[in-house]
Full PDB file with SEQRES, HELIX, SHEET, SSBOND, CRYST1, ORIGX, SCALE, CONECT and MASTER records, all heavy atoms in Angstrom:
SEQRES   1 A   43  SER THR PHE VAL ALA LEU PRO PHE ALA ILE LEU GLY ALA          
SEQRES   2 A   43  PHE GLY VAL HIS THR PRO ALA PHE LEU LEU ALA PHE ALA          
SEQRES   3 A   43  ALA GLY ALA PHE GLY VAL TYR GLN SER LEU SER HIS ARG          
SEQRES   4 A   43  LEU GLU VAL VAL                                              
HELIX    1 AA1 LEU A    6  ALA A   13  1                                   8    
HELIX    2 AA2 PRO A   19  PHE A   21  5                                   3    
HELIX    3 AA3 LEU A   22  LEU A   36  1                                  15    
CRYST1    1.000    1.000    1.000  90.00  90.00  90.00 P 1           1          
ORIGX1      1.000000  0.000000  0.000000        0.00000                         
ORIGX2      0.000000  1.000000  0.000000        0.00000                         
ORIGX3      0.000000  0.000000  1.000000        0.00000                         
SCALE1      1.000000  0.000000  0.000000        0.00000                         
SCALE2      0.000000  1.000000  0.000000        0.00000                         
SCALE3      0.000000  0.000000  1.000000        0.00000                         
ATOM      1  N   SER A   1       0.576   7.580  19.090  1.00  0.00           N  
ATOM      2  CA  SER A   1       0.666   7.506  17.596  1.00  0.00           C  
ATOM      3  C   SER A   1      -0.001   8.736  16.962  1.00  0.00           C  
ATOM      4  O   SER A   1       0.453   9.162  15.889  1.00  0.00           O  
ATOM      5  CB  SER A   1      -0.029   6.222  17.082  1.00  0.00           C  
ATOM      6  OG  SER A   1       0.615   5.061  17.673  1.00  0.00           O  
ATOM      7  N   THR A   2      -1.043   9.261  17.565  1.00  0.00           N  
ATOM      8  CA  THR A   2      -1.717  10.425  17.038  1.00  0.00           C  
ATOM      9  C   THR A   2      -0.707  11.591  17.030  1.00  0.00           C  
ATOM     10  O   THR A   2      -0.648  12.371  16.007  1.00  0.00           O  
ATOM     11  CB  THR A   2      -2.902  10.749  17.861  1.00  0.00           C  
ATOM     12  OG1 THR A   2      -3.829   9.670  17.814  1.00  0.00           O  
ATOM     13  CG2 THR A   2      -3.577  12.029  17.401  1.00  0.00           C  
ATOM     14  N   PHE A   3       0.030  11.783  18.075  1.00  0.00           N  
ATOM     15  CA  PHE A   3       1.043  12.888  18.095  1.00  0.00           C  
ATOM     16  C   PHE A   3       2.107  12.637  17.054  1.00  0.00           C  
ATOM     17  O   PHE A   3       2.590  13.568  16.485  1.00  0.00           O  
ATOM     18  CB  PHE A   3       1.647  13.033  19.485  1.00  0.00           C  
ATOM     19  CG  PHE A   3       0.715  13.773  20.467  1.00  0.00           C  
ATOM     20  CD1 PHE A   3       0.205  13.113  21.549  1.00  0.00           C  
ATOM     21  CD2 PHE A   3       0.367  15.067  20.219  1.00  0.00           C  
ATOM     22  CE1 PHE A   3      -0.619  13.779  22.441  1.00  0.00           C  
ATOM     23  CE2 PHE A   3      -0.495  15.785  21.066  1.00  0.00           C  
ATOM     24  CZ  PHE A   3      -0.985  15.088  22.204  1.00  0.00           C  
ATOM     25  N   VAL A   4       2.546  11.328  16.831  1.00  0.00           N  
ATOM     26  CA  VAL A   4       3.520  11.071  15.827  1.00  0.00           C  
ATOM     27  C   VAL A   4       2.968  11.461  14.435  1.00  0.00           C  
ATOM     28  O   VAL A   4       3.702  11.832  13.539  1.00  0.00           O  
ATOM     29  CB  VAL A   4       3.883   9.551  15.905  1.00  0.00           C  
ATOM     30  CG1 VAL A   4       4.838   9.169  14.729  1.00  0.00           C  
ATOM     31  CG2 VAL A   4       4.583   9.240  17.190  1.00  0.00           C  
ATOM     32  N   ALA A   5       1.668  11.326  14.304  1.00  0.00           N  
ATOM     33  CA  ALA A   5       1.037  11.666  12.999  1.00  0.00           C  
ATOM     34  C   ALA A   5       0.746  13.131  12.794  1.00  0.00           C  
ATOM     35  O   ALA A   5       0.068  13.543  11.819  1.00  0.00           O  
ATOM     36  CB  ALA A   5      -0.301  10.892  12.887  1.00  0.00           C  
ATOM     37  N   LEU A   6       1.290  13.988  13.666  1.00  0.00           N  
ATOM     38  CA  LEU A   6       1.025  15.458  13.578  1.00  0.00           C  
ATOM     39  C   LEU A   6       1.375  16.016  12.185  1.00  0.00           C  
ATOM     40  O   LEU A   6       0.553  16.827  11.672  1.00  0.00           O  
ATOM     41  CB  LEU A   6       1.833  16.152  14.652  1.00  0.00           C  
ATOM     42  CG  LEU A   6       1.843  17.704  14.586  1.00  0.00           C  
ATOM     43  CD1 LEU A   6       0.429  18.220  14.847  1.00  0.00           C  
ATOM     44  CD2 LEU A   6       2.813  18.253  15.621  1.00  0.00           C  
ATOM     45  N   PRO A   7       2.451  15.660  11.512  1.00  0.00           N  
ATOM     46  CA  PRO A   7       2.687  16.262  10.221  1.00  0.00           C  
ATOM     47  C   PRO A   7       1.545  15.976   9.233  1.00  0.00           C  
ATOM     48  O   PRO A   7       1.268  16.816   8.393  1.00  0.00           O  
ATOM     49  CB  PRO A   7       4.062  15.601   9.801  1.00  0.00           C  
ATOM     50  CG  PRO A   7       4.673  15.185  11.005  1.00  0.00           C  
ATOM     51  CD  PRO A   7       3.604  14.780  11.963  1.00  0.00           C  
ATOM     52  N   PHE A   8       0.932  14.783   9.315  1.00  0.00           N  
ATOM     53  CA  PHE A   8      -0.116  14.462   8.440  1.00  0.00           C  
ATOM     54  C   PHE A   8      -1.393  15.245   8.730  1.00  0.00           C  
ATOM     55  O   PHE A   8      -2.165  15.642   7.812  1.00  0.00           O  
ATOM     56  CB  PHE A   8      -0.444  12.920   8.488  1.00  0.00           C  
ATOM     57  CG  PHE A   8       0.670  12.090   8.057  1.00  0.00           C  
ATOM     58  CD1 PHE A   8       1.494  11.437   8.952  1.00  0.00           C  
ATOM     59  CD2 PHE A   8       0.953  11.844   6.680  1.00  0.00           C  
ATOM     60  CE1 PHE A   8       2.543  10.600   8.539  1.00  0.00           C  
ATOM     61  CE2 PHE A   8       2.032  11.075   6.265  1.00  0.00           C  
ATOM     62  CZ  PHE A   8       2.837  10.477   7.212  1.00  0.00           C  
ATOM     63  N   ALA A   9      -1.595  15.532  10.000  1.00  0.00           N  
ATOM     64  CA  ALA A   9      -2.697  16.378  10.419  1.00  0.00           C  
ATOM     65  C   ALA A   9      -2.545  17.773   9.904  1.00  0.00           C  
ATOM     66  O   ALA A   9      -3.499  18.395   9.441  1.00  0.00           O  
ATOM     67  CB  ALA A   9      -2.843  16.378  11.929  1.00  0.00           C  
ATOM     68  N   ILE A  10      -1.349  18.314   9.887  1.00  0.00           N  
ATOM     69  CA  ILE A  10      -1.047  19.614   9.306  1.00  0.00           C  
ATOM     70  C   ILE A  10      -1.330  19.629   7.872  1.00  0.00           C  
ATOM     71  O   ILE A  10      -1.958  20.534   7.325  1.00  0.00           O  
ATOM     72  CB  ILE A  10       0.375  20.050   9.668  1.00  0.00           C  
ATOM     73  CG1 ILE A  10       0.555  20.252  11.171  1.00  0.00           C  
ATOM     74  CG2 ILE A  10       0.730  21.336   8.905  1.00  0.00           C  
ATOM     75  CD1 ILE A  10       1.981  20.491  11.566  1.00  0.00           C  
ATOM     76  N   LEU A  11      -0.895  18.561   7.136  1.00  0.00           N  
ATOM     77  CA  LEU A  11      -1.197  18.492   5.689  1.00  0.00           C  
ATOM     78  C   LEU A  11      -2.727  18.455   5.443  1.00  0.00           C  
ATOM     79  O   LEU A  11      -3.186  19.069   4.497  1.00  0.00           O  
ATOM     80  CB  LEU A  11      -0.498  17.246   5.118  1.00  0.00           C  
ATOM     81  CG  LEU A  11       0.998  17.243   4.988  1.00  0.00           C  
ATOM     82  CD1 LEU A  11       1.502  15.915   4.556  1.00  0.00           C  
ATOM     83  CD2 LEU A  11       1.446  18.332   3.997  1.00  0.00           C  
ATOM     84  N   GLY A  12      -3.379  17.689   6.291  1.00  0.00           N  
ATOM     85  CA  GLY A  12      -4.842  17.564   6.097  1.00  0.00           C  
ATOM     86  C   GLY A  12      -5.537  18.940   6.271  1.00  0.00           C  
ATOM     87  O   GLY A  12      -6.599  19.212   5.586  1.00  0.00           O  
ATOM     88  N   ALA A  13      -5.013  19.798   7.177  1.00  0.00           N  
ATOM     89  CA  ALA A  13      -5.583  21.121   7.342  1.00  0.00           C  
ATOM     90  C   ALA A  13      -5.468  21.922   6.060  1.00  0.00           C  
ATOM     91  O   ALA A  13      -6.285  22.874   5.851  1.00  0.00           O  
ATOM     92  CB  ALA A  13      -4.890  21.832   8.523  1.00  0.00           C  
ATOM     93  N   PHE A  14      -4.530  21.602   5.191  1.00  0.00           N  
ATOM     94  CA  PHE A  14      -4.394  22.278   3.911  1.00  0.00           C  
ATOM     95  C   PHE A  14      -4.975  21.535   2.771  1.00  0.00           C  
ATOM     96  O   PHE A  14      -4.761  21.796   1.644  1.00  0.00           O  
ATOM     97  CB  PHE A  14      -2.888  22.573   3.635  1.00  0.00           C  
ATOM     98  CG  PHE A  14      -2.285  23.604   4.511  1.00  0.00           C  
ATOM     99  CD1 PHE A  14      -1.630  23.207   5.684  1.00  0.00           C  
ATOM    100  CD2 PHE A  14      -2.408  24.944   4.243  1.00  0.00           C  
ATOM    101  CE1 PHE A  14      -1.061  24.206   6.485  1.00  0.00           C  
ATOM    102  CE2 PHE A  14      -1.879  25.913   5.042  1.00  0.00           C  
ATOM    103  CZ  PHE A  14      -1.189  25.529   6.189  1.00  0.00           C  
ATOM    104  N   GLY A  15      -5.812  20.498   3.136  1.00  0.00           N  
ATOM    105  CA  GLY A  15      -6.539  19.741   2.134  1.00  0.00           C  
ATOM    106  C   GLY A  15      -5.821  18.611   1.492  1.00  0.00           C  
ATOM    107  O   GLY A  15      -6.266  18.028   0.508  1.00  0.00           O  
ATOM    108  N   VAL A  16      -4.619  18.303   2.050  1.00  0.00           N  
ATOM    109  CA  VAL A  16      -3.845  17.170   1.510  1.00  0.00           C  
ATOM    110  C   VAL A  16      -4.072  15.957   2.372  1.00  0.00           C  
ATOM    111  O   VAL A  16      -3.577  15.832   3.519  1.00  0.00           O  
ATOM    112  CB  VAL A  16      -2.340  17.484   1.491  1.00  0.00           C  
ATOM    113  CG1 VAL A  16      -1.526  16.321   0.929  1.00  0.00           C  
ATOM    114  CG2 VAL A  16      -2.071  18.784   0.684  1.00  0.00           C  
ATOM    115  N   HIS A  17      -4.929  15.007   1.884  1.00  0.00           N  
ATOM    116  CA  HIS A  17      -5.266  13.859   2.650  1.00  0.00           C  
ATOM    117  C   HIS A  17      -4.608  12.600   2.061  1.00  0.00           C  
ATOM    118  O   HIS A  17      -4.589  12.403   0.834  1.00  0.00           O  
ATOM    119  CB  HIS A  17      -6.784  13.650   2.629  1.00  0.00           C  
ATOM    120  CG  HIS A  17      -7.539  14.790   3.274  1.00  0.00           C  
ATOM    121  ND1 HIS A  17      -7.530  15.090   4.569  1.00  0.00           N  
ATOM    122  CD2 HIS A  17      -8.307  15.726   2.682  1.00  0.00           C  
ATOM    123  CE1 HIS A  17      -8.298  16.150   4.790  1.00  0.00           C  
ATOM    124  NE2 HIS A  17      -8.763  16.596   3.674  1.00  0.00           N  
ATOM    125  N   THR A  18      -4.004  11.845   2.933  1.00  0.00           N  
ATOM    126  CA  THR A  18      -3.329  10.609   2.473  1.00  0.00           C  
ATOM    127  C   THR A  18      -3.340   9.525   3.545  1.00  0.00           C  
ATOM    128  O   THR A  18      -3.275   9.846   4.770  1.00  0.00           O  
ATOM    129  CB  THR A  18      -1.840  10.898   2.200  1.00  0.00           C  
ATOM    130  OG1 THR A  18      -1.155   9.662   1.975  1.00  0.00           O  
ATOM    131  CG2 THR A  18      -1.126  11.621   3.290  1.00  0.00           C  
ATOM    132  N   PRO A  19      -3.655   8.266   3.189  1.00  0.00           N  
ATOM    133  CA  PRO A  19      -3.690   7.257   4.141  1.00  0.00           C  
ATOM    134  C   PRO A  19      -2.320   6.880   4.722  1.00  0.00           C  
ATOM    135  O   PRO A  19      -2.226   6.024   5.657  1.00  0.00           O  
ATOM    136  CB  PRO A  19      -4.272   6.021   3.378  1.00  0.00           C  
ATOM    137  CG  PRO A  19      -3.880   6.357   1.907  1.00  0.00           C  
ATOM    138  CD  PRO A  19      -3.995   7.813   1.832  1.00  0.00           C  
ATOM    139  N   ALA A  20      -1.254   7.603   4.322  1.00  0.00           N  
ATOM    140  CA  ALA A  20       0.057   7.340   4.834  1.00  0.00           C  
ATOM    141  C   ALA A  20       0.153   7.657   6.340  1.00  0.00           C  
ATOM    142  O   ALA A  20       1.090   7.179   6.943  1.00  0.00           O  
ATOM    143  CB  ALA A  20       1.067   8.111   4.013  1.00  0.00           C  
ATOM    144  N   PHE A  21      -0.819   8.438   6.823  1.00  0.00           N  
ATOM    145  CA  PHE A  21      -0.779   8.724   8.274  1.00  0.00           C  
ATOM    146  C   PHE A  21      -0.851   7.462   9.087  1.00  0.00           C  
ATOM    147  O   PHE A  21      -0.481   7.458  10.288  1.00  0.00           O  
ATOM    148  CB  PHE A  21      -1.844   9.726   8.678  1.00  0.00           C  
ATOM    149  CG  PHE A  21      -3.227   9.213   8.713  1.00  0.00           C  
ATOM    150  CD1 PHE A  21      -3.740   8.519   9.873  1.00  0.00           C  
ATOM    151  CD2 PHE A  21      -4.098   9.395   7.632  1.00  0.00           C  
ATOM    152  CE1 PHE A  21      -4.990   8.010   9.944  1.00  0.00           C  
ATOM    153  CE2 PHE A  21      -5.427   8.898   7.708  1.00  0.00           C  
ATOM    154  CZ  PHE A  21      -5.845   8.235   8.909  1.00  0.00           C  
ATOM    155  N   LEU A  22      -1.406   6.365   8.510  1.00  0.00           N  
ATOM    156  CA  LEU A  22      -1.489   5.140   9.284  1.00  0.00           C  
ATOM    157  C   LEU A  22      -0.152   4.571   9.580  1.00  0.00           C  
ATOM    158  O   LEU A  22       0.006   3.747  10.481  1.00  0.00           O  
ATOM    159  CB  LEU A  22      -2.352   4.112   8.500  1.00  0.00           C  
ATOM    160  CG  LEU A  22      -3.794   4.507   8.226  1.00  0.00           C  
ATOM    161  CD1 LEU A  22      -4.468   3.464   7.322  1.00  0.00           C  
ATOM    162  CD2 LEU A  22      -4.521   4.598   9.536  1.00  0.00           C  
ATOM    163  N   LEU A  23       0.876   5.001   8.843  1.00  0.00           N  
ATOM    164  CA  LEU A  23       2.289   4.557   9.154  1.00  0.00           C  
ATOM    165  C   LEU A  23       2.695   5.042  10.587  1.00  0.00           C  
ATOM    166  O   LEU A  23       3.458   4.342  11.236  1.00  0.00           O  
ATOM    167  CB  LEU A  23       3.264   5.099   8.142  1.00  0.00           C  
ATOM    168  CG  LEU A  23       3.132   4.553   6.720  1.00  0.00           C  
ATOM    169  CD1 LEU A  23       4.077   5.287   5.755  1.00  0.00           C  
ATOM    170  CD2 LEU A  23       3.458   3.044   6.728  1.00  0.00           C  
ATOM    171  N   ALA A  24       2.188   6.133  11.040  1.00  0.00           N  
ATOM    172  CA  ALA A  24       2.447   6.650  12.353  1.00  0.00           C  
ATOM    173  C   ALA A  24       1.969   5.663  13.414  1.00  0.00           C  
ATOM    174  O   ALA A  24       2.565   5.479  14.474  1.00  0.00           O  
ATOM    175  CB  ALA A  24       1.843   8.017  12.582  1.00  0.00           C  
ATOM    176  N   PHE A  25       0.843   5.016  13.141  1.00  0.00           N  
ATOM    177  CA  PHE A  25       0.195   4.100  14.103  1.00  0.00           C  
ATOM    178  C   PHE A  25       0.960   2.713  14.058  1.00  0.00           C  
ATOM    179  O   PHE A  25       1.065   2.063  15.086  1.00  0.00           O  
ATOM    180  CB  PHE A  25      -1.266   3.937  13.831  1.00  0.00           C  
ATOM    181  CG  PHE A  25      -2.005   5.183  14.117  1.00  0.00           C  
ATOM    182  CD1 PHE A  25      -2.111   6.221  13.166  1.00  0.00           C  
ATOM    183  CD2 PHE A  25      -2.570   5.449  15.377  1.00  0.00           C  
ATOM    184  CE1 PHE A  25      -2.757   7.410  13.386  1.00  0.00           C  
ATOM    185  CE2 PHE A  25      -3.208   6.635  15.640  1.00  0.00           C  
ATOM    186  CZ  PHE A  25      -3.286   7.605  14.655  1.00  0.00           C  
ATOM    187  N   ALA A  26       1.535   2.399  12.907  1.00  0.00           N  
ATOM    188  CA  ALA A  26       2.388   1.254  12.858  1.00  0.00           C  
ATOM    189  C   ALA A  26       3.692   1.522  13.604  1.00  0.00           C  
ATOM    190  O   ALA A  26       4.168   0.626  14.355  1.00  0.00           O  
ATOM    191  CB  ALA A  26       2.764   0.882  11.391  1.00  0.00           C  
ATOM    192  N   ALA A  27       4.298   2.737  13.485  1.00  0.00           N  
ATOM    193  CA  ALA A  27       5.446   3.099  14.300  1.00  0.00           C  
ATOM    194  C   ALA A  27       5.141   3.061  15.770  1.00  0.00           C  
ATOM    195  O   ALA A  27       5.973   2.600  16.560  1.00  0.00           O  
ATOM    196  CB  ALA A  27       5.942   4.481  13.861  1.00  0.00           C  
ATOM    197  N   GLY A  28       3.975   3.525  16.127  1.00  0.00           N  
ATOM    198  CA  GLY A  28       3.565   3.472  17.529  1.00  0.00           C  
ATOM    199  C   GLY A  28       3.475   2.052  18.060  1.00  0.00           C  
ATOM    200  O   GLY A  28       3.833   1.788  19.202  1.00  0.00           O  
ATOM    201  N   ALA A  29       3.024   1.138  17.226  1.00  0.00           N  
ATOM    202  CA  ALA A  29       2.932  -0.313  17.626  1.00  0.00           C  
ATOM    203  C   ALA A  29       4.336  -0.880  17.872  1.00  0.00           C  
ATOM    204  O   ALA A  29       4.569  -1.646  18.830  1.00  0.00           O  
ATOM    205  CB  ALA A  29       2.211  -1.065  16.551  1.00  0.00           C  
ATOM    206  N   PHE A  30       5.283  -0.435  17.011  1.00  0.00           N  
ATOM    207  CA  PHE A  30       6.639  -0.866  17.271  1.00  0.00           C  
ATOM    208  C   PHE A  30       7.179  -0.294  18.559  1.00  0.00           C  
ATOM    209  O   PHE A  30       7.934  -0.913  19.268  1.00  0.00           O  
ATOM    210  CB  PHE A  30       7.575  -0.413  16.060  1.00  0.00           C  
ATOM    211  CG  PHE A  30       8.963  -0.820  16.225  1.00  0.00           C  
ATOM    212  CD1 PHE A  30       9.387  -2.121  16.138  1.00  0.00           C  
ATOM    213  CD2 PHE A  30       9.944   0.172  16.341  1.00  0.00           C  
ATOM    214  CE1 PHE A  30      10.685  -2.467  16.236  1.00  0.00           C  
ATOM    215  CE2 PHE A  30      11.289  -0.139  16.432  1.00  0.00           C  
ATOM    216  CZ  PHE A  30      11.703  -1.508  16.469  1.00  0.00           C  
ATOM    217  N   GLY A  31       6.771   0.960  18.842  1.00  0.00           N  
ATOM    218  CA  GLY A  31       7.184   1.577  20.130  1.00  0.00           C  
ATOM    219  C   GLY A  31       6.665   0.809  21.310  1.00  0.00           C  
ATOM    220  O   GLY A  31       7.351   0.662  22.339  1.00  0.00           O  
ATOM    221  N   VAL A  32       5.422   0.303  21.195  1.00  0.00           N  
ATOM    222  CA  VAL A  32       4.879  -0.500  22.302  1.00  0.00           C  
ATOM    223  C   VAL A  32       5.706  -1.780  22.448  1.00  0.00           C  
ATOM    224  O   VAL A  32       6.059  -2.162  23.616  1.00  0.00           O  
ATOM    225  CB  VAL A  32       3.434  -0.910  22.007  1.00  0.00           C  
ATOM    226  CG1 VAL A  32       2.901  -1.938  23.009  1.00  0.00           C  
ATOM    227  CG2 VAL A  32       2.558   0.334  22.072  1.00  0.00           C  
ATOM    228  N   TYR A  33       6.100  -2.408  21.320  1.00  0.00           N  
ATOM    229  CA  TYR A  33       6.966  -3.597  21.425  1.00  0.00           C  
ATOM    230  C   TYR A  33       8.246  -3.284  22.086  1.00  0.00           C  
ATOM    231  O   TYR A  33       8.723  -4.051  23.044  1.00  0.00           O  
ATOM    232  CB  TYR A  33       7.200  -4.167  20.000  1.00  0.00           C  
ATOM    233  CG  TYR A  33       8.311  -5.192  19.949  1.00  0.00           C  
ATOM    234  CD1 TYR A  33       8.095  -6.485  20.387  1.00  0.00           C  
ATOM    235  CD2 TYR A  33       9.592  -4.811  19.514  1.00  0.00           C  
ATOM    236  CE1 TYR A  33       9.074  -7.441  20.363  1.00  0.00           C  
ATOM    237  CE2 TYR A  33      10.588  -5.759  19.431  1.00  0.00           C  
ATOM    238  CZ  TYR A  33      10.373  -7.016  19.865  1.00  0.00           C  
ATOM    239  OH  TYR A  33      11.354  -7.925  19.848  1.00  0.00           O  
ATOM    240  N   GLN A  34       8.912  -2.189  21.769  1.00  0.00           N  
ATOM    241  CA  GLN A  34      10.164  -1.867  22.357  1.00  0.00           C  
ATOM    242  C   GLN A  34      10.064  -1.411  23.808  1.00  0.00           C  
ATOM    243  O   GLN A  34      10.938  -1.539  24.589  1.00  0.00           O  
ATOM    244  CB  GLN A  34      10.913  -0.734  21.603  1.00  0.00           C  
ATOM    245  CG  GLN A  34      11.408  -1.168  20.218  1.00  0.00           C  
ATOM    246  CD  GLN A  34      12.486  -0.323  19.661  1.00  0.00           C  
ATOM    247  OE1 GLN A  34      12.376   0.900  19.640  1.00  0.00           O  
ATOM    248  NE2 GLN A  34      13.588  -0.924  19.306  1.00  0.00           N  
ATOM    249  N   SER A  35       8.834  -0.990  24.199  1.00  0.00           N  
ATOM    250  CA  SER A  35       8.599  -0.691  25.606  1.00  0.00           C  
ATOM    251  C   SER A  35       8.351  -1.900  26.459  1.00  0.00           C  
ATOM    252  O   SER A  35       8.675  -1.864  27.655  1.00  0.00           O  
ATOM    253  CB  SER A  35       7.341   0.249  25.681  1.00  0.00           C  
ATOM    254  OG  SER A  35       7.528   1.452  24.975  1.00  0.00           O  
ATOM    255  N   LEU A  36       7.891  -2.958  25.864  1.00  0.00           N  
ATOM    256  CA  LEU A  36       7.525  -4.167  26.652  1.00  0.00           C  
ATOM    257  C   LEU A  36       8.621  -5.310  26.510  1.00  0.00           C  
ATOM    258  O   LEU A  36       8.557  -6.199  27.348  1.00  0.00           O  
ATOM    259  CB  LEU A  36       6.189  -4.683  26.233  1.00  0.00           C  
ATOM    260  CG  LEU A  36       5.012  -3.719  26.465  1.00  0.00           C  
ATOM    261  CD1 LEU A  36       3.750  -4.296  25.860  1.00  0.00           C  
ATOM    262  CD2 LEU A  36       4.841  -3.455  27.966  1.00  0.00           C  
ATOM    263  N   SER A  37       9.450  -5.266  25.563  1.00  0.00           N  
ATOM    264  CA  SER A  37      10.367  -6.328  25.313  1.00  0.00           C  
ATOM    265  C   SER A  37      11.706  -6.003  26.071  1.00  0.00           C  
ATOM    266  O   SER A  37      11.953  -4.902  26.489  1.00  0.00           O  
ATOM    267  CB  SER A  37      10.670  -6.559  23.842  1.00  0.00           C  
ATOM    268  OG  SER A  37      11.149  -5.389  23.259  1.00  0.00           O  
ATOM    269  N   HIS A  38      12.581  -7.053  26.158  1.00  0.00           N  
ATOM    270  CA  HIS A  38      13.887  -6.824  26.731  1.00  0.00           C  
ATOM    271  C   HIS A  38      14.936  -7.619  26.077  1.00  0.00           C  
ATOM    272  O   HIS A  38      14.692  -8.684  25.418  1.00  0.00           O  
ATOM    273  CB  HIS A  38      13.882  -7.136  28.231  1.00  0.00           C  
ATOM    274  CG  HIS A  38      13.824  -8.603  28.497  1.00  0.00           C  
ATOM    275  ND1 HIS A  38      12.673  -9.323  28.523  1.00  0.00           N  
ATOM    276  CD2 HIS A  38      14.833  -9.519  28.761  1.00  0.00           C  
ATOM    277  CE1 HIS A  38      12.915 -10.615  28.765  1.00  0.00           C  
ATOM    278  NE2 HIS A  38      14.234 -10.746  28.911  1.00  0.00           N  
ATOM    279  N   ARG A  39      16.167  -7.161  26.146  1.00  0.00           N  
ATOM    280  CA  ARG A  39      17.332  -7.896  25.636  1.00  0.00           C  
ATOM    281  C   ARG A  39      18.542  -7.677  26.599  1.00  0.00           C  
ATOM    282  O   ARG A  39      18.934  -6.563  26.889  1.00  0.00           O  
ATOM    283  CB  ARG A  39      17.752  -7.312  24.210  1.00  0.00           C  
ATOM    284  CG  ARG A  39      19.042  -7.877  23.573  1.00  0.00           C  
ATOM    285  CD  ARG A  39      19.278  -7.228  22.203  1.00  0.00           C  
ATOM    286  NE  ARG A  39      20.424  -7.731  21.561  1.00  0.00           N  
ATOM    287  CZ  ARG A  39      21.642  -7.128  21.643  1.00  0.00           C  
ATOM    288  NH1 ARG A  39      21.767  -6.023  22.347  1.00  0.00           N  
ATOM    289  NH2 ARG A  39      22.656  -7.633  20.960  1.00  0.00           N  
ATOM    290  N   LEU A  40      19.023  -8.758  27.133  1.00  0.00           N  
ATOM    291  CA  LEU A  40      20.134  -8.674  28.076  1.00  0.00           C  
ATOM    292  C   LEU A  40      21.400  -8.350  27.352  1.00  0.00           C  
ATOM    293  O   LEU A  40      21.764  -8.925  26.363  1.00  0.00           O  
ATOM    294  CB  LEU A  40      20.243 -10.017  28.880  1.00  0.00           C  
ATOM    295  CG  LEU A  40      19.020 -10.475  29.655  1.00  0.00           C  
ATOM    296  CD1 LEU A  40      19.284 -11.785  30.333  1.00  0.00           C  
ATOM    297  CD2 LEU A  40      18.571  -9.383  30.618  1.00  0.00           C  
ATOM    298  N   GLU A  41      22.173  -7.393  27.960  1.00  0.00           N  
ATOM    299  CA  GLU A  41      23.426  -6.936  27.357  1.00  0.00           C  
ATOM    300  C   GLU A  41      24.534  -6.900  28.418  1.00  0.00           C  
ATOM    301  O   GLU A  41      24.329  -6.885  29.608  1.00  0.00           O  
ATOM    302  CB  GLU A  41      23.270  -5.497  26.775  1.00  0.00           C  
ATOM    303  CG  GLU A  41      22.233  -5.415  25.674  1.00  0.00           C  
ATOM    304  CD  GLU A  41      22.137  -3.918  25.235  1.00  0.00           C  
ATOM    305  OE1 GLU A  41      21.928  -3.070  26.129  1.00  0.00           O  
ATOM    306  OE2 GLU A  41      22.208  -3.690  24.049  1.00  0.00           O  
ATOM    307  N   VAL A  42      25.763  -6.929  27.906  1.00  0.00           N  
ATOM    308  CA  VAL A  42      26.984  -6.697  28.713  1.00  0.00           C  
ATOM    309  C   VAL A  42      27.598  -5.408  28.188  1.00  0.00           C  
ATOM    310  O   VAL A  42      27.783  -5.191  27.007  1.00  0.00           O  
ATOM    311  CB  VAL A  42      27.959  -7.866  28.603  1.00  0.00           C  
ATOM    312  CG1 VAL A  42      29.211  -7.485  29.400  1.00  0.00           C  
ATOM    313  CG2 VAL A  42      27.350  -9.103  29.148  1.00  0.00           C  
ATOM    314  N   VAL A  43      27.922  -4.485  29.142  1.00  0.00           N  
ATOM    315  CA  VAL A  43      28.552  -3.189  28.763  1.00  0.00           C  
ATOM    316  C   VAL A  43      29.927  -3.097  29.541  1.00  0.00           C  
ATOM    317  O   VAL A  43      29.865  -3.263  30.771  1.00  0.00           O  
ATOM    318  CB  VAL A  43      27.671  -1.994  29.099  1.00  0.00           C  
ATOM    319  CG1 VAL A  43      28.350  -0.740  28.627  1.00  0.00           C  
ATOM    320  CG2 VAL A  43      26.317  -2.165  28.387  1.00  0.00           C  
TER     321      VAL A  43                                                      
MASTER        0    0    0    3    0    0    0    6  320    1    0    4          
END                                                                             
């Protein structure tokens, strides 16, 4: 999630701070869910 938040880190280096970077960690949590869950399909 930290790497997903890279754009916010770059903004922070220029003095633009926003709590929106926490969205990257929410996206990472969704990634964990998709990594651990399954759905049976027919192709």
